[in-house]
Amino acid sequence: MQFSQRSLFGYVCGIALVGCSLFSFAVSKTASVKLASLHHRMVSEHGVKDENAIRGAFQTLDANGDGSLDSKEFASCASSLGSALSDDELAAIFELIDLNNSGKIDFEEFRLWWLGDKSVDFSYV
């Protein structure tokens, strides 16, 4: 299909694509603000950027004690801190923090997020 033709269908498709991209941008911006807020609340509640404080927070959130956070444990963390994140936002944030795409957040990934490492960029939600 060629969208460069000047037809009503082409214009409608172009407008729809622009609308989708604007909607996607708005959702991403909202989620990144919520993620930054969640991060701030978590760091404020559990202490400074000390390795022991980070490990203690991680172990508290790791409900089943397997050494990693699954999506349910992460969602529980967000909910306990009062974050109003949708399921889609939580999934996007989880994927952002899960740097190796293992389906779980290990301690090192959690620590990088906690410390605000640039490899976990909130603007990409």
Protein backbone atom coordinates (compact mmCIF):
# COMPACT_ATOMS: atom_id res chain seq x y z
CA MET A 1 0.00 0.00 0.00
CA GLN A 2 1.37 3.38 -0.91
CA PHE A 3 0.63 6.18 1.55
CA SER A 4 2.17 8.92 -0.55
CA GLN A 5 -0.84 9.11 -2.84
CA ARG A 6 -3.01 12.11 -2.24
CA SER A 7 -6.20 10.39 -1.32
CA LEU A 8 -8.65 10.59 1.52
CA PHE A 9 -7.48 7.17 2.72
CA GLY A 10 -3.85 8.33 2.76
CA TYR A 11 -4.70 11.43 4.76
CA VAL A 12 -6.81 9.44 7.25
CA CYS A 13 -3.99 6.92 7.72
CA GLY A 14 -1.47 9.70 8.21
CA ILE A 15 -3.62 11.44 10.80
CA ALA A 16 -4.20 8.12 12.58
CA LEU A 17 -0.45 7.47 12.74
CA VAL A 18 0.24 10.95 14.11
CA GLY A 19 -2.53 10.46 16.68
CA CYS A 20 -1.10 7.11 17.78
CA SER A 21 2.37 8.55 18.15
CA LEU A 22 1.10 11.49 20.24
CA PHE A 23 -0.90 9.12 22.45
CA SER A 24 2.14 6.86 22.87
CA PHE A 25 4.28 9.85 23.82
CA ALA A 26 1.73 11.02 26.41
CA VAL A 27 1.47 7.55 27.98
CA SER A 28 5.26 7.20 28.04
CA LYS A 29 5.71 10.61 29.68
CA THR A 30 3.08 9.84 32.34
CA ALA A 31 4.64 6.45 33.11
CA SER A 32 8.15 7.90 33.34
CA VAL A 33 6.93 10.50 35.85
CA LYS A 34 5.25 7.75 37.88
CA LEU A 35 8.42 5.64 37.77
CA ALA A 36 10.54 8.55 38.98
CA SER A 37 8.05 9.09 41.80
CA LEU A 38 8.11 5.39 42.74
CA HIS A 39 11.90 5.44 42.75
CA HIS A 40 11.99 8.54 44.96
CA ARG A 41 9.50 7.07 47.46
CA MET A 42 11.38 3.79 47.64
CA VAL A 43 14.76 5.42 48.24
CA SER A 44 13.22 7.82 50.79
CA GLU A 45 11.53 5.01 52.71
CA HIS A 46 14.44 2.57 52.79
CA GLY A 47 17.37 4.88 53.35
CA VAL A 48 20.39 6.27 51.66
CA LYS A 49 22.35 4.83 48.79
CA ASP A 50 24.21 2.45 51.06
CA GLU A 51 24.77 -1.11 49.78
CA ASN A 52 23.31 -2.64 52.97
CA ALA A 53 20.17 -0.48 52.72
CA ILE A 54 19.71 -1.47 49.09
CA ARG A 55 20.19 -5.17 49.84
CA GLY A 56 17.79 -4.93 52.80
CA ALA A 57 15.11 -3.30 50.63
CA PHE A 58 15.62 -5.94 47.94
CA GLN A 59 15.33 -8.80 50.43
CA THR A 60 12.18 -7.26 51.90
CA LEU A 61 10.59 -7.12 48.45
CA ASP A 62 11.75 -10.63 47.49
CA ALA A 63 8.76 -12.33 49.11
CA ASN A 64 9.63 -15.88 48.04
CA GLY A 65 13.34 -15.51 48.85
CA ASP A 66 14.59 -16.76 45.47
CA GLY A 67 17.06 -13.89 45.05
CA SER A 68 15.10 -12.06 42.37
CA LEU A 69 11.91 -10.06 41.97
CA ASP A 70 9.22 -11.32 39.66
CA SER A 71 6.56 -9.06 38.21
CA LYS A 72 4.10 -9.79 41.06
CA GLU A 73 6.66 -8.90 43.73
CA PHE A 74 7.51 -5.70 41.88
CA ALA A 75 3.82 -4.82 41.52
CA SER A 76 3.36 -5.44 45.24
CA CYS A 77 6.24 -3.07 45.96
CA ALA A 78 4.72 -0.33 43.79
CA SER A 79 1.30 -0.79 45.36
CA SER A 80 2.67 -0.73 48.93
CA LEU A 81 4.31 2.61 48.17
CA GLY A 82 1.02 4.03 46.93
CA SER A 83 1.89 4.19 43.24
CA ALA A 84 -1.13 4.20 40.97
CA LEU A 85 0.42 2.35 38.04
CA SER A 86 -1.64 0.50 35.48
CA ASP A 87 -0.79 -3.10 34.58
CA ASP A 88 0.70 -1.91 31.29
CA GLU A 89 2.84 0.71 33.02
CA LEU A 90 4.08 -1.88 35.53
CA ALA A 91 4.95 -4.27 32.70
CA ALA A 92 6.85 -1.55 30.84
CA ILE A 93 8.73 -0.47 33.97
CA PHE A 94 9.55 -4.08 34.86
CA GLU A 95 10.96 -4.66 31.36
CA LEU A 96 12.98 -1.45 31.66
CA ILE A 97 14.61 -2.51 34.93
CA ASP A 98 15.09 -6.13 33.80
CA LEU A 99 18.21 -5.29 31.77
CA ASN A 100 19.03 -8.86 30.73
CA ASN A 101 15.40 -9.70 29.81
CA SER A 102 15.34 -12.73 32.11
CA GLY A 103 11.80 -12.08 33.29
CA LYS A 104 13.09 -11.33 36.79
CA ILE A 105 14.88 -8.41 38.41
CA ASP A 106 18.06 -9.63 40.09
CA PHE A 107 19.87 -7.70 42.81
CA GLU A 108 22.33 -6.03 40.43
CA GLU A 109 19.53 -4.73 38.19
CA PHE A 110 17.64 -3.54 41.26
CA ARG A 111 20.78 -1.85 42.61
CA LEU A 112 21.37 -0.02 39.30
CA TRP A 113 17.76 1.21 39.32
CA TRP A 114 18.01 2.21 42.98
CA LEU A 115 21.19 4.20 42.38
CA GLY A 116 19.70 5.92 39.33
CA ASP A 117 22.23 4.38 36.93
CA LYS A 118 21.95 5.70 33.38
CA SER A 119 21.43 2.17 32.04
CA VAL A 120 17.93 2.36 33.58
CA ASP A 121 16.58 5.47 31.88
CA PHE A 122 13.11 6.43 33.11
CA SER A 123 12.38 8.34 29.91
CA TYR A 124 12.12 5.09 27.91
CA VAL A 125 8.99 3.79 29.64
